[in-house]
């Protein structure tokens, strides 16, 4: 086997630079929901000492002093760029796994591929020319080793962004890799391994299988095998069927009244419903929840699950159920900072076992609901998100909405990459 991991460099920052090419070579950061913490940094921002996950208020003065460009998260932009990146990558292999919004594993076990590194450099050049996104590519015989190789390609300028472990002294390479940098080994596991004197990837690889199984389960054994070059983690070419779909967001300012909570919950249902239908699914149940801040003491976080009469993908039905659930759990006198919904018991839309006594009118209504939602989704795709939505969401005064004071625009129709 030969795997290549393609990892987009500083992805959110790279997306923002597509719209602002003047920011090339300048420090840039992207903030989390409500403009809270740093979640993406350019290399220049890293050089200034701006840490990942640092609250923005702590580094605001530093950012202003060094003229750091600051952006709110723009997930619509990032998902669109990700879609384009994955489309390009799919041209280079018959087997690919989209691992995350900015990472993909490619199967490069191609018999006629004489020079995998040059082939990967071609992938990298194409992504830069057609989209403008820089990537690092790691090549190895297992997915775990490919992850380590990609990280080396990202950090070492001499690699030119592409690094292969196929013809390298693997012992010497793994000896320099901290065990906590290995894919699948988290902080707690790293601390446990340290107590046993295992601090490098090579030491972990060379541990006895029985010992690994006893202390770290079969997953630990498989990770060690992957480091030995034995492929244990298969390529996932199709997304596994989702068991639930969640939509939630923290509020820009605390919410105390029921009407504002209804607006927020309805908005989450609409968002989750769109994702539900895009995957051809329907939900049999829905959970709605609200929460006060866990940092201010006396946490109050009620939730309720609402059952549907039949699986549905209709926003009309889902919003009605969510608002009924919200009324059950709402209690005055609390300052709520978050609300959300989770669609549960998912299955194929339209594939429903009919009840023995179901009336034709009920079956016809379900069919009309699906047709209506298909029309709504089509209009929103053509004319813009939110063109058609529940009347509850047309309120202009939404103090509860997350803060996006530094939000960039999306890609224009027909945008094809850097000029």
Protein backbone atom coordinates (compact mmCIF):
# COMPACT_ATOMS: atom_id res chain seq x y z
CA UNK A 1 0.00 0.00 0.00
CA UNK A 2 0.99 3.59 -0.59
CA UNK A 3 -0.96 6.40 1.10
CA UNK A 4 -0.64 10.13 0.54
CA UNK A 5 -2.11 12.56 3.05
CA UNK A 6 -2.89 15.98 1.58
CA UNK A 7 -3.18 18.59 4.32
CA UNK A 8 -4.14 22.19 3.50
CA UNK A 9 -1.78 24.62 5.23
CA UNK A 10 -3.39 26.99 7.76
CA UNK A 11 -6.63 26.29 5.89
CA UNK A 12 -8.98 28.96 7.25
CA UNK A 13 -6.28 31.62 6.84
CA UNK A 14 -5.51 30.39 3.32
CA UNK A 15 -9.21 30.69 2.43
CA UNK A 16 -9.34 34.27 3.68
CA UNK A 17 -6.27 35.12 1.62
CA UNK A 18 -8.08 34.01 -1.53
CA UNK A 19 -10.31 37.05 -1.06
CA UNK A 20 -7.48 39.25 0.23
CA UNK A 21 -4.33 38.46 -1.79
CA UNK A 22 -2.77 41.62 -0.34
CA UNK A 23 -2.41 39.68 2.94
CA UNK A 24 0.19 37.29 1.51
CA UNK A 25 3.23 37.33 3.79
CA UNK A 26 1.40 39.23 6.52
CA UNK A 27 0.16 37.93 9.90
CA UNK A 28 -3.44 36.69 9.78
CA UNK A 29 -5.65 34.92 12.34
CA UNK A 30 -9.17 33.52 12.29
CA UNK A 31 -11.36 33.51 15.41
CA UNK A 32 -13.89 30.97 16.68
CA UNK A 33 -17.62 31.44 17.13
CA UNK A 34 -18.46 34.78 18.77
CA UNK A 35 -14.96 35.95 17.90
CA UNK A 36 -13.72 34.15 20.99
CA UNK A 37 -10.47 32.23 20.43
CA UNK A 38 -7.81 31.86 17.77
CA UNK A 39 -8.49 28.76 15.64
CA UNK A 40 -6.22 29.37 12.63
CA UNK A 41 -2.93 31.27 12.26
CA UNK A 42 -0.68 32.17 9.39
CA UNK A 43 3.01 31.33 9.75
CA UNK A 44 3.67 35.02 10.32
CA UNK A 45 1.16 35.08 13.21
CA UNK A 46 2.79 31.99 14.70
CA UNK A 47 6.17 33.75 14.53
CA UNK A 48 4.71 36.57 16.63
CA UNK A 49 4.00 34.06 19.39
CA UNK A 50 0.21 34.00 19.00
CA UNK A 51 -0.89 30.63 20.47
CA UNK A 52 -3.64 28.43 19.10
CA UNK A 53 -6.91 28.55 21.11
CA UNK A 54 -5.84 31.76 22.85
CA UNK A 55 -8.79 34.05 23.74
CA UNK A 56 -8.70 37.06 21.43
CA UNK A 57 -8.98 39.59 24.23
CA UNK A 58 -5.63 38.37 25.58
CA UNK A 59 -3.76 39.01 22.34
CA UNK A 60 -5.74 41.98 21.00
CA UNK A 61 -2.99 44.46 21.92
CA UNK A 62 -0.34 42.27 20.29
CA UNK A 63 -2.47 41.93 17.15
CA UNK A 64 -3.01 45.67 16.91
CA UNK A 65 0.67 46.44 17.51
CA UNK A 66 1.75 44.18 14.64
CA UNK A 67 -1.14 44.99 12.29
CA UNK A 68 -2.47 41.42 12.36
CA UNK A 69 -5.45 40.87 10.05
CA UNK A 70 -8.28 39.35 12.11
CA UNK A 71 -11.27 37.45 10.66
CA UNK A 72 -14.40 35.87 12.09
CA UNK A 73 -15.11 32.29 11.02
CA UNK A 74 -16.76 32.04 7.62
CA UNK A 75 -17.78 28.41 7.35
CA UNK A 76 -19.67 28.91 4.09
CA UNK A 77 -16.43 30.07 2.48
CA UNK A 78 -14.33 27.27 4.00
CA UNK A 79 -16.74 24.52 2.95
CA UNK A 80 -16.90 25.83 -0.61
CA UNK A 81 -13.10 25.98 -0.91
CA UNK A 82 -12.87 22.51 0.66
CA UNK A 83 -15.31 21.16 -1.93
CA UNK A 84 -13.14 22.52 -4.72
CA UNK A 85 -9.94 21.14 -3.20
CA UNK A 86 -11.45 17.66 -2.86
CA UNK A 87 -12.70 17.80 -6.45
CA UNK A 88 -9.16 18.46 -7.68
CA UNK A 89 -7.68 15.70 -5.50
CA UNK A 90 -10.21 13.16 -6.81
CA UNK A 91 -8.68 13.59 -10.29
CA UNK A 92 -5.43 12.04 -9.10
CA UNK A 93 -6.68 8.75 -7.68
CA UNK A 94 -9.50 6.24 -7.92
CA UNK A 95 -9.66 5.84 -4.15
CA UNK A 96 -9.81 8.78 -1.74
CA UNK A 97 -11.00 9.48 1.80
CA UNK A 98 -12.07 13.01 2.73
CA UNK A 99 -10.83 12.94 6.31
CA UNK A 100 -11.77 16.48 7.32
CA UNK A 101 -12.53 19.85 5.77
CA UNK A 102 -8.82 20.36 5.04
CA UNK A 103 -7.37 16.83 4.84
CA UNK A 104 -7.73 13.87 2.50
CA UNK A 105 -6.05 10.47 2.18
CA UNK A 106 -5.27 9.30 -1.34
CA UNK A 107 -4.45 5.74 -2.37
CA UNK A 108 -1.39 6.04 -4.61
CA UNK A 109 -0.81 2.29 -4.97
CA UNK A 110 -0.57 2.75 -8.72
CA UNK A 111 1.70 0.19 -10.42
CA UNK A 112 2.71 2.61 -13.17
CA UNK A 113 3.59 5.39 -10.72
CA UNK A 114 7.37 5.54 -11.10
CA UNK A 115 7.98 8.65 -8.97
CA UNK A 116 5.36 9.22 -6.22
CA UNK A 117 7.11 12.35 -4.92
CA UNK A 118 6.99 14.08 -8.32
CA UNK A 119 3.39 12.96 -8.71
CA UNK A 120 2.58 14.59 -5.34
CA UNK A 121 4.41 17.75 -6.37
CA UNK A 122 2.14 17.87 -9.41
CA UNK A 123 -0.91 17.67 -7.13
CA UNK A 124 0.46 20.50 -5.02
CA UNK A 125 1.15 22.69 -8.07
CA UNK A 126 -2.34 22.13 -9.45
CA UNK A 127 -4.01 23.13 -6.19
CA UNK A 128 -1.95 26.31 -6.02
CA UNK A 129 -2.60 27.22 -9.66
CA UNK A 130 -6.29 26.35 -9.88
CA UNK A 131 -7.48 27.27 -6.38
CA UNK A 132 -4.68 29.09 -4.60
CA UNK A 133 -4.53 26.80 -1.57
CA UNK A 134 -1.10 25.57 -0.39
CA UNK A 135 -0.93 21.97 0.82
CA UNK A 136 1.58 19.64 2.44
CA UNK A 137 1.68 16.02 1.27
CA UNK A 138 3.06 13.04 3.17
CA UNK A 139 3.68 9.67 1.51
CA UNK A 140 4.05 6.37 3.37
CA UNK A 141 2.87 2.77 3.53
CA UNK A 142 0.26 3.45 6.25
CA UNK A 143 -2.10 6.27 7.10
CA UNK A 144 -0.43 6.91 10.47
CA UNK A 145 3.00 7.26 8.88
CA UNK A 146 1.55 9.44 6.09
CA UNK A 147 0.22 11.84 8.76
CA UNK A 148 3.69 12.14 10.27
CA UNK A 149 5.23 12.61 6.82
CA UNK A 150 2.78 15.40 5.94
CA UNK A 151 3.62 17.20 9.18
CA UNK A 152 7.31 17.02 8.28
CA UNK A 153 6.51 18.37 4.83
CA UNK A 154 4.66 21.28 6.39
CA UNK A 155 7.36 22.24 8.89
CA UNK A 156 10.52 21.65 6.84
CA UNK A 157 10.94 24.17 3.97
CA UNK A 158 13.60 21.96 2.36
CA UNK A 159 10.96 19.36 1.51
CA UNK A 160 9.08 21.75 -0.76
CA UNK A 161 5.84 20.67 0.90
CA UNK A 162 6.17 16.98 -0.06
CA UNK A 163 7.84 14.35 2.12
CA UNK A 164 8.04 10.59 1.63
CA UNK A 165 8.95 7.94 4.18
CA UNK A 166 9.21 5.13 1.64
CA UNK A 167 12.99 5.22 1.18
CA UNK A 168 13.96 6.79 4.49
CA UNK A 169 15.63 5.36 7.59
CA UNK A 170 12.38 4.90 9.52
CA UNK A 171 14.14 4.12 12.80
CA UNK A 172 16.00 7.43 12.77
CA UNK A 173 12.88 9.34 11.76
CA UNK A 174 10.63 7.87 14.47
CA UNK A 175 13.32 8.36 17.11
CA UNK A 176 12.91 12.13 16.67
CA UNK A 177 9.10 12.12 16.77
CA UNK A 178 7.54 12.73 20.22
CA UNK A 179 5.06 9.98 20.95
CA UNK A 180 2.32 12.59 21.51
CA UNK A 181 2.62 13.64 17.85
CA UNK A 182 1.48 10.22 16.64
CA UNK A 183 -2.04 10.16 15.19
CA UNK A 184 -4.43 8.64 17.73
CA UNK A 185 -2.24 9.14 20.80
CA UNK A 186 -3.85 11.82 22.95
CA UNK A 187 -2.66 13.82 25.92
CA UNK A 188 -3.69 11.30 28.59
CA UNK A 189 -2.16 8.43 26.69
CA UNK A 190 1.05 10.44 26.26
CA UNK A 191 1.19 11.05 30.01
CA UNK A 192 0.68 7.33 30.71
CA UNK A 193 3.36 6.33 28.22
CA UNK A 194 5.78 8.81 29.77
CA UNK A 195 5.40 7.07 33.12
CA UNK A 196 6.54 3.87 31.42
CA UNK A 197 9.52 5.63 29.87
CA UNK A 198 8.06 5.73 26.35
CA UNK A 199 8.58 9.19 24.91
CA UNK A 200 9.25 8.67 21.20
CA UNK A 201 7.30 7.12 18.36
CA UNK A 202 10.06 4.55 17.90
CA UNK A 203 9.83 3.40 21.52
CA UNK A 204 6.06 3.01 21.13
CA UNK A 205 6.46 1.11 17.87
CA UNK A 206 8.93 -1.31 19.45
CA UNK A 207 6.80 -2.06 22.53
CA UNK A 208 5.49 -5.64 22.86
CA UNK A 209 2.00 -6.26 21.48
CA UNK A 210 0.81 -7.98 24.66
CA UNK A 211 1.93 -5.02 26.76
CA UNK A 212 0.27 -2.53 24.41
CA UNK A 213 -2.98 -4.50 24.42
CA UNK A 214 -2.97 -4.74 28.21
CA UNK A 215 -2.39 -1.03 28.77
CA UNK A 216 -3.84 0.67 25.68
CA UNK A 217 -6.29 -1.83 24.12
CA UNK A 218 -6.23 -3.20 20.59
CA UNK A 219 -6.12 0.34 19.21
CA UNK A 220 -2.69 0.79 20.72
CA UNK A 221 -1.55 -2.41 19.01
CA UNK A 222 -2.88 -1.23 15.66
CA UNK A 223 -1.14 2.12 16.03
CA UNK A 224 2.16 0.35 16.71
CA UNK A 225 1.63 -1.88 13.67
CA UNK A 226 0.97 1.19 11.54
CA UNK A 227 4.28 2.66 12.73
CA UNK A 228 5.92 -0.63 11.69
CA UNK A 229 4.54 -0.19 8.18
CA UNK A 230 1.67 -2.67 8.53
CA UNK A 231 -1.53 -1.04 7.29
CA UNK A 232 -4.38 -1.50 9.79
CA UNK A 233 -6.52 1.59 9.20
CA UNK A 234 -8.43 1.22 5.96
CA UNK A 235 -9.37 3.96 3.56
CA UNK A 236 -12.96 5.11 4.17
CA UNK A 237 -14.22 6.02 0.70
CA UNK A 238 -17.85 6.57 1.67
CA UNK A 239 -19.12 8.57 4.60
CA UNK A 240 -20.69 6.27 7.19
CA UNK A 241 -24.40 6.82 7.70
CA UNK A 242 -24.93 9.55 10.25
CA UNK A 243 -26.71 8.63 13.45
CA UNK A 244 -27.59 12.22 14.31
CA UNK A 245 -27.33 15.79 13.00
CA UNK A 246 -26.67 18.62 15.40
CA UNK A 247 -26.95 22.39 15.04
CA UNK A 248 -26.05 24.68 17.94
CA UNK A 249 -24.35 27.97 18.58
CA UNK A 250 -23.45 30.18 21.51
CA UNK A 251 -25.29 33.50 21.68
CA UNK A 252 -23.67 36.87 21.05
CA UNK A 253 -25.34 38.14 24.23
CA UNK A 254 -27.22 36.16 26.91
CA UNK A 255 -30.92 35.55 26.21
CA UNK A 256 -33.58 35.59 28.91
CA UNK A 257 -36.94 35.66 27.07
CA UNK A 258 -38.71 32.78 25.35
CA UNK A 259 -39.39 34.56 22.05
CA UNK A 260 -35.71 35.13 21.32
CA UNK A 261 -34.97 31.52 22.22
CA UNK A 262 -37.65 30.42 19.77
CA UNK A 263 -35.97 32.37 16.98
CA UNK A 264 -32.61 30.79 17.75
CA UNK A 265 -34.00 27.26 17.98
CA UNK A 266 -36.01 27.64 14.76
CA UNK A 267 -32.86 28.81 12.99
CA UNK A 268 -30.97 25.74 14.18
CA UNK A 269 -33.78 23.45 12.99
CA UNK A 270 -33.69 25.05 9.53
CA UNK A 271 -29.92 24.56 9.35
CA UNK A 272 -30.10 20.94 10.52
CA UNK A 273 -33.04 20.25 8.20
CA UNK A 274 -31.07 21.40 5.16
CA UNK A 275 -28.24 19.02 6.03
CA UNK A 276 -30.74 16.25 6.68
CA UNK A 277 -32.32 16.60 3.24
CA UNK A 278 -28.99 17.01 1.46
CA UNK A 279 -28.16 13.47 2.61
CA UNK A 280 -31.56 12.06 1.69
CA UNK A 281 -32.44 11.38 5.33
CA UNK A 282 -35.42 11.82 7.61
CA UNK A 283 -35.61 12.07 11.43
CA UNK A 284 -37.93 10.19 13.76
CA UNK A 285 -36.99 12.23 16.84
CA UNK A 286 -35.56 15.60 17.79
CA UNK A 287 -33.82 16.84 20.92
CA UNK A 288 -33.83 20.53 21.85
CA UNK A 289 -31.65 21.97 24.60
CA UNK A 290 -30.73 25.31 26.13
CA UNK A 291 -27.97 26.17 28.57
CA UNK A 292 -26.68 28.91 30.81
CA UNK A 293 -22.92 29.53 31.06
CA UNK A 294 -20.97 26.81 32.81
CA UNK A 295 -18.43 29.43 33.90
CA UNK A 296 -20.82 31.54 35.95
CA UNK A 297 -22.01 28.93 38.44
CA UNK A 298 -25.44 27.31 38.86
CA UNK A 299 -25.41 25.71 35.43
CA UNK A 300 -28.94 25.18 34.09
CA UNK A 301 -29.05 23.02 30.95
CA UNK A 302 -32.44 21.36 30.38
CA UNK A 303 -33.17 19.20 27.32
CA UNK A 304 -36.12 17.25 25.95
CA UNK A 305 -36.56 14.70 23.17
CA UNK A 306 -39.62 14.96 20.94
CA UNK A 307 -40.88 11.95 18.98
CA UNK A 308 -42.45 12.34 15.53
CA UNK A 309 -45.48 10.39 14.35
CA UNK A 310 -43.39 9.31 11.36
CA UNK A 311 -39.88 10.03 10.03
CA UNK A 312 -39.78 13.48 8.44
CA UNK A 313 -37.45 15.93 6.71
CA UNK A 314 -39.96 18.78 6.70
CA UNK A 315 -38.88 22.00 8.40
CA UNK A 316 -42.55 22.67 9.14
CA UNK A 317 -42.87 19.53 11.24
CA UNK A 318 -39.41 19.78 12.81
CA UNK A 319 -39.74 23.44 13.81
CA UNK A 320 -43.16 22.81 15.36
CA UNK A 321 -41.80 19.91 17.43
CA UNK A 322 -38.72 21.87 18.51
CA UNK A 323 -40.74 24.88 19.67
CA UNK A 324 -43.12 22.64 21.62
CA UNK A 325 -40.11 21.05 23.29
CA UNK A 326 -38.57 24.44 24.05
CA UNK A 327 -41.74 25.58 25.81
CA UNK A 328 -41.56 22.48 28.02
CA UNK A 329 -38.01 23.12 29.23
CA UNK A 330 -37.89 26.92 29.32
CA UNK A 331 -37.80 28.53 32.75
CA UNK A 332 -37.77 32.32 33.29
CA UNK A 333 -35.10 33.99 35.36
CA UNK A 334 -32.11 32.45 33.58
CA UNK A 335 -29.62 34.05 31.22
CA UNK A 336 -29.14 31.44 28.50
CA UNK A 337 -25.91 31.49 26.48
CA UNK A 338 -26.51 28.59 24.10
CA UNK A 339 -29.27 26.64 22.37
CA UNK A 340 -29.28 23.74 19.96
CA UNK A 341 -31.15 20.90 18.34
CA UNK A 342 -30.15 17.35 17.47
CA UNK A 343 -32.03 15.29 14.88
CA UNK A 344 -32.17 11.64 15.94
CA UNK A 345 -33.18 8.18 14.67
CA UNK A 346 -32.21 8.99 11.10
CA UNK A 347 -33.11 6.89 8.10
CA UNK A 348 -33.68 7.17 4.35
CA UNK A 349 -36.29 9.80 3.51
CA UNK A 350 -39.43 8.42 1.92
CA UNK A 351 -38.65 4.84 2.95
CA UNK A 352 -41.21 4.43 5.71
CA UNK A 353 -43.18 1.38 6.73
CA UNK A 354 -46.82 2.37 6.37
CA UNK A 355 -49.13 1.84 9.28
CA UNK A 356 -51.97 -0.62 8.78
CA UNK A 357 -54.52 2.11 9.35
CA UNK A 358 -52.69 5.03 7.74
CA UNK A 359 -55.14 7.10 5.75
CA UNK A 360 -54.42 8.12 2.17
CA UNK A 361 -54.62 11.76 3.30
CA UNK A 362 -51.69 11.24 5.71
CA UNK A 363 -49.53 9.58 3.07
CA UNK A 364 -50.34 12.34 0.59
CA UNK A 365 -49.39 15.04 3.11
CA UNK A 366 -45.97 13.44 3.69
CA UNK A 367 -45.39 13.37 -0.05
CA UNK A 368 -46.39 17.04 -0.37
CA UNK A 369 -44.09 17.99 2.53
CA UNK A 370 -41.11 16.40 0.75
CA UNK A 371 -41.98 18.18 -2.49
CA UNK A 372 -42.35 21.52 -0.67
CA UNK A 373 -38.99 21.19 1.06
CA UNK A 374 -37.32 20.26 -2.24
CA UNK A 375 -38.73 23.45 -3.77
CA UNK A 376 -37.61 25.57 -0.79
CA UNK A 377 -34.07 24.17 -0.97
CA UNK A 378 -33.94 24.85 -4.71
CA UNK A 379 -35.02 28.47 -4.27
CA UNK A 380 -32.52 29.03 -1.47
CA UNK A 381 -29.70 27.56 -3.57
CA UNK A 382 -30.62 29.78 -6.52
CA UNK A 383 -31.41 33.04 -4.71
CA UNK A 384 -29.38 32.79 -1.54
CA UNK A 385 -29.58 31.17 1.88
CA UNK A 386 -32.60 32.33 3.89
CA UNK A 387 -34.65 33.53 0.91
CA UNK A 388 -37.40 31.17 2.02
CA UNK A 389 -37.56 30.42 5.73
CA UNK A 390 -40.05 30.40 8.62
CA UNK A 391 -41.59 33.84 9.29
CA UNK A 392 -40.18 33.64 12.81
CA UNK A 393 -36.69 34.14 11.36
CA UNK A 394 -37.38 37.39 9.53
CA UNK A 395 -36.83 39.42 12.70
CA UNK A 396 -34.13 42.06 12.19
CA UNK A 397 -33.27 42.47 15.85
CA UNK A 398 -31.22 39.39 16.68
CA UNK A 399 -29.09 40.26 19.65
CA UNK A 400 -28.67 36.53 20.29
CA UNK A 401 -26.80 35.93 17.04
CA UNK A 402 -23.10 35.08 17.41
CA UNK A 403 -20.67 37.92 16.93
CA UNK A 404 -19.07 38.07 13.48
CA UNK A 405 -17.68 41.56 13.54
CA UNK A 406 -14.82 40.68 11.18
CA UNK A 407 -16.62 38.38 8.74
CA UNK A 408 -15.31 38.20 5.19
CA UNK A 409 -17.48 37.72 2.13
CA UNK A 410 -17.96 34.46 0.27
CA UNK A 411 -16.48 33.48 -3.08
CA UNK A 412 -18.13 35.13 -6.02
CA UNK A 413 -19.92 32.97 -8.59
CA UNK A 414 -17.42 31.88 -11.19
CA UNK A 415 -14.34 32.39 -9.01
CA UNK A 416 -11.72 29.99 -10.38
CA UNK A 417 -8.69 30.65 -8.26
CA UNK A 418 -5.87 33.17 -8.06
CA UNK A 419 -5.37 35.70 -10.82
